[in-house]
Protein backbone atom coordinates (compact mmCIF):
# COMPACT_ATOMS: atom_id res chain seq x y z
CA UNK A 1 -42.07 51.70 -14.40
CA UNK A 2 -44.45 48.93 -13.08
CA UNK A 3 -42.92 46.27 -15.49
CA UNK A 4 -39.52 47.39 -14.37
CA UNK A 5 -40.27 47.03 -10.65
CA UNK A 6 -42.33 43.98 -11.04
CA UNK A 7 -39.49 41.62 -12.29
CA UNK A 8 -37.13 42.14 -9.15
CA UNK A 9 -40.21 41.59 -7.01
CA UNK A 10 -40.97 38.34 -8.73
CA UNK A 11 -37.37 37.41 -8.62
CA UNK A 12 -37.13 37.79 -4.94
CA UNK A 13 -40.19 35.77 -4.31
CA UNK A 14 -38.68 33.07 -6.46
CA UNK A 15 -35.52 33.00 -4.45
CA UNK A 16 -37.30 33.21 -1.12
CA UNK A 17 -39.41 30.12 -1.99
CA UNK A 18 -36.26 28.18 -3.10
CA UNK A 19 -34.69 28.86 0.27
CA UNK A 20 -37.88 27.74 1.97
CA UNK A 21 -37.69 24.67 0.04
CA UNK A 22 -34.06 23.94 0.86
CA UNK A 23 -34.72 24.55 4.50
CA UNK A 24 -37.67 22.13 4.37
CA UNK A 25 -35.32 19.44 2.83
CA UNK A 26 -32.69 19.63 5.49
CA UNK A 27 -30.12 21.80 3.42
CA UNK A 28 -28.04 24.14 5.52
CA UNK A 29 -27.25 27.24 3.50
CA UNK A 30 -23.79 28.81 3.66
CA UNK A 31 -22.92 32.50 3.73
CA UNK A 32 -19.93 32.11 1.49
CA UNK A 33 -19.35 29.86 -1.47
CA UNK A 34 -17.46 26.45 -0.55
CA UNK A 35 -15.31 24.46 -2.95
CA UNK A 36 -15.50 20.96 -1.45
CA UNK A 37 -12.92 19.76 -4.21
CA UNK A 38 -13.27 16.32 -5.43
CA UNK A 39 -14.79 13.13 -3.94
CA UNK A 40 -12.63 11.52 -1.13
CA UNK A 41 -10.66 8.73 -2.71
CA UNK A 42 -10.21 5.30 -0.95
CA UNK A 43 -7.01 3.16 -1.44
CA UNK A 44 -7.51 -0.02 -3.48
CA UNK A 45 -5.16 -2.27 -1.55
CA UNK A 46 -4.67 -3.84 -4.73
CA UNK A 47 -1.30 -3.21 -6.56
CA UNK A 48 -1.67 -2.55 -10.30
CA UNK A 49 0.68 -4.49 -12.63
CA UNK A 50 3.30 -2.52 -14.35
CA UNK A 51 2.61 -1.52 -18.02
CA UNK A 52 4.28 -3.26 -20.94
CA UNK A 53 5.34 -6.90 -21.17
CA UNK A 54 5.67 -8.41 -17.48
CA UNK A 55 9.01 -10.05 -16.87
CA UNK A 56 9.13 -13.57 -15.65
CA UNK A 57 10.30 -13.48 -12.10
CA UNK A 58 13.07 -15.91 -11.09
CA UNK A 59 13.05 -17.38 -7.80
CA UNK A 60 10.61 -18.73 -5.08
CA UNK A 61 7.23 -17.11 -4.69
CA UNK A 62 6.42 -15.92 -1.15
CA UNK A 63 3.63 -13.96 0.53
CA UNK A 64 4.48 -11.13 2.85
CA UNK A 65 2.02 -9.04 4.82
CA UNK A 66 2.03 -5.21 4.28
CA UNK A 67 -0.12 -2.51 5.93
CA UNK A 68 -2.98 -1.15 4.02
CA UNK A 69 -6.24 0.69 5.27
CA UNK A 70 -5.24 -0.06 8.87
CA UNK A 71 -5.37 -3.94 8.13
CA UNK A 72 -2.80 -6.53 6.89
CA UNK A 73 -2.99 -7.49 3.22
CA UNK A 74 -0.79 -10.29 1.55
CA UNK A 75 1.44 -9.22 -1.32
CA UNK A 76 3.30 -11.79 -3.50
CA UNK A 77 7.02 -11.53 -4.07
CA UNK A 78 9.65 -13.54 -5.37
CA UNK A 79 12.99 -14.32 -3.69
CA UNK A 80 15.82 -16.69 -3.37
CA UNK A 81 15.41 -19.28 -0.84
CA UNK A 82 17.53 -22.14 0.36
CA UNK A 83 16.97 -25.18 -1.58
CA UNK A 84 17.28 -27.64 1.32
CA UNK A 85 14.12 -26.68 3.16
CA UNK A 86 15.23 -28.14 6.52
CA UNK A 87 14.77 -26.61 9.79
CA UNK A 88 18.43 -25.09 9.91
CA UNK A 89 17.32 -22.97 6.95
CA UNK A 90 14.70 -21.31 9.05
CA UNK A 91 16.97 -18.15 10.13
CA UNK A 92 18.19 -17.74 6.42
CA UNK A 93 14.38 -17.88 5.42
CA UNK A 94 13.47 -15.54 8.09
CA UNK A 95 16.26 -12.99 7.19
CA UNK A 96 14.97 -13.05 3.32
CA UNK A 97 11.33 -12.38 4.31
CA UNK A 98 12.48 -9.59 6.85
CA UNK A 99 14.50 -8.00 4.06
CA UNK A 100 11.25 -7.82 2.07
CA UNK A 101 9.18 -6.32 4.95
CA UNK A 102 11.92 -3.90 5.55
CA UNK A 103 11.88 -2.35 1.89
CA UNK A 104 9.66 0.51 0.88
CA UNK A 105 6.72 -0.82 -1.19
CA UNK A 106 7.10 -0.77 -4.96
CA UNK A 107 5.57 2.45 -6.64
CA UNK A 108 2.49 0.51 -7.79
CA UNK A 109 1.96 -0.85 -4.10
CA UNK A 110 2.40 2.67 -2.63
CA UNK A 111 -0.29 4.15 -4.99
CA UNK A 112 -2.57 1.38 -3.97
CA UNK A 113 -2.03 2.34 -0.31
CA UNK A 114 0.49 -0.22 0.86
CA UNK A 115 3.11 0.57 3.53
CA UNK A 116 5.24 -1.20 5.95
CA UNK A 117 5.96 -0.33 9.87
CA UNK A 118 8.93 -2.64 10.15
CA UNK A 119 12.01 -0.75 11.26
CA UNK A 120 15.04 -0.68 8.92
CA UNK A 121 17.41 -1.79 11.88
CA UNK A 122 15.61 -4.74 12.64
CA UNK A 123 17.43 -7.99 12.46
CA UNK A 124 16.70 -11.60 13.01
CA UNK A 125 18.67 -14.77 14.10
CA UNK A 126 18.11 -18.35 14.97
CA UNK A 127 17.25 -19.90 18.35
CA UNK A 128 19.59 -20.26 21.29
CA UNK A 129 20.66 -23.38 22.82
CA UNK A 130 17.71 -23.37 25.36
CA UNK A 131 15.13 -22.20 22.87
CA UNK A 132 12.62 -24.08 21.02
CA UNK A 133 13.90 -25.23 17.40
CA UNK A 134 11.31 -23.16 15.66
CA UNK A 135 12.25 -20.00 17.60
CA UNK A 136 13.63 -16.84 16.16
CA UNK A 137 15.40 -14.09 18.00
CA UNK A 138 15.09 -10.27 17.08
CA UNK A 139 17.46 -7.64 17.99
CA UNK A 140 14.63 -5.64 19.38
CA UNK A 141 12.09 -7.19 21.91
CA UNK A 142 9.01 -8.16 20.34
CA UNK A 143 6.90 -6.01 22.85
CA UNK A 144 9.10 -2.93 21.86
CA UNK A 145 8.16 -3.15 18.20
CA UNK A 146 5.38 -1.22 16.70
CA UNK A 147 2.20 -3.04 16.97
CA UNK A 148 1.83 -3.22 13.24
CA UNK A 149 5.44 -4.20 12.65
CA UNK A 150 5.13 -7.14 15.11
CA UNK A 151 1.81 -8.13 13.30
CA UNK A 152 3.58 -8.07 9.92
CA UNK A 153 6.35 -10.32 11.03
CA UNK A 154 4.15 -12.83 12.88
CA UNK A 155 1.81 -13.20 9.98
CA UNK A 156 4.51 -13.25 7.31
CA UNK A 157 6.68 -15.84 9.27
CA UNK A 158 3.62 -17.96 10.08
CA UNK A 159 2.74 -18.25 6.53
CA UNK A 160 6.04 -19.28 5.25
CA UNK A 161 7.41 -20.94 8.53
CA UNK A 162 4.38 -22.31 10.39
CA UNK A 163 4.59 -23.66 14.02
CA UNK A 164 3.01 -27.03 14.36
CA UNK A 165 1.07 -26.52 11.15
CA UNK A 166 -0.38 -23.20 12.35
CA UNK A 167 -0.03 -19.51 11.11
CA UNK A 168 2.16 -18.54 13.93
CA UNK A 169 5.70 -17.41 14.97
CA UNK A 170 7.73 -17.83 18.09
CA UNK A 171 9.85 -14.77 18.64
CA UNK A 172 12.24 -13.54 21.27
CA UNK A 173 14.30 -10.60 22.04
CA UNK A 174 18.13 -9.90 22.59
CA UNK A 175 17.47 -10.27 26.42
CA UNK A 176 17.40 -13.40 28.41
CA UNK A 177 13.43 -13.63 28.26
CA UNK A 178 11.87 -16.82 26.88
CA UNK A 179 10.66 -16.46 23.57
CA UNK A 180 6.44 -16.31 23.19
CA UNK A 181 4.32 -17.75 20.59
CA UNK A 182 2.36 -15.27 18.72
CA UNK A 183 -0.61 -16.54 16.39
CA UNK A 184 -1.64 -14.76 13.28
CA UNK A 185 -5.36 -14.97 13.70
CA UNK A 186 -8.27 -13.40 11.42
CA UNK A 187 -8.49 -10.70 14.19
CA UNK A 188 -4.72 -9.81 13.95
CA UNK A 189 -4.94 -9.42 10.15
CA UNK A 190 -7.97 -7.03 10.50
CA UNK A 191 -6.75 -5.26 13.57
CA UNK A 192 -2.81 -5.24 13.45
CA UNK A 193 -2.76 -3.03 16.52
CA UNK A 194 -4.07 -5.76 18.77
CA UNK A 195 -0.78 -5.83 20.79
CA UNK A 196 -1.50 -2.32 22.09
CA UNK A 197 -4.87 -3.48 23.81
CA UNK A 198 -4.16 -6.99 24.77
CA UNK A 199 -1.62 -9.35 26.08
CA UNK A 200 -0.75 -10.94 22.71
CA UNK A 201 1.76 -13.91 22.92
CA UNK A 202 1.64 -17.05 24.92
CA UNK A 203 4.69 -18.89 26.88
CA UNK A 204 6.29 -21.56 25.05
CA UNK A 205 7.25 -24.75 26.91
CA UNK A 206 11.20 -25.10 27.09
CA UNK A 207 12.68 -28.03 24.89
CA UNK A 208 13.15 -31.33 26.81
CA UNK A 209 16.31 -31.39 28.75
CA UNK A 210 16.71 -27.67 28.91
CA UNK A 211 16.13 -27.36 32.60
CA UNK A 212 18.41 -30.30 33.36
CA UNK A 213 21.26 -28.60 31.47
CA UNK A 214 20.81 -25.33 33.24
């Protein structure tokens, strides 16, 4: 009987010592088993190439900005653009880029964490008579767009259609308000919600002769 009762005592003592050691290491015990599951995964923000022989894209390479991990990340696309490359082509180029931004990301891009905030019903047109030549007009006021969507537009347009050689866009809405200039800075790329916290955008001088005509 002494041997039979000694084992439980030694076992209890060992469990008590183990519990005291865990407490000393700062490990908090639990009263019920916990299944924590797998380790949390992080998005890669890097789209995987589709398996198999890659197709050779036909068209013009462009860079658009999508949302990934609460920041803007460039993605390469191939589209058909006007061959002239004149200022009159800006609205058509802007519409082509907008079409890419409105589309859902490809499966490989979604798996990597990419998304878009640009509304499906957003449209873009060229400048009005009293707008700067590089202005673009949206059917929604820029300040009424989701902050991430506005940042996507500004950085995508600013990359392909720069203003004064800068990564910027001059955007207006459907109302009579003058367009404003929005710069795609590194801060905007890192924090696309900047428009919610700051007065993003600056006034643009009217073209020469606009006041005289009015």
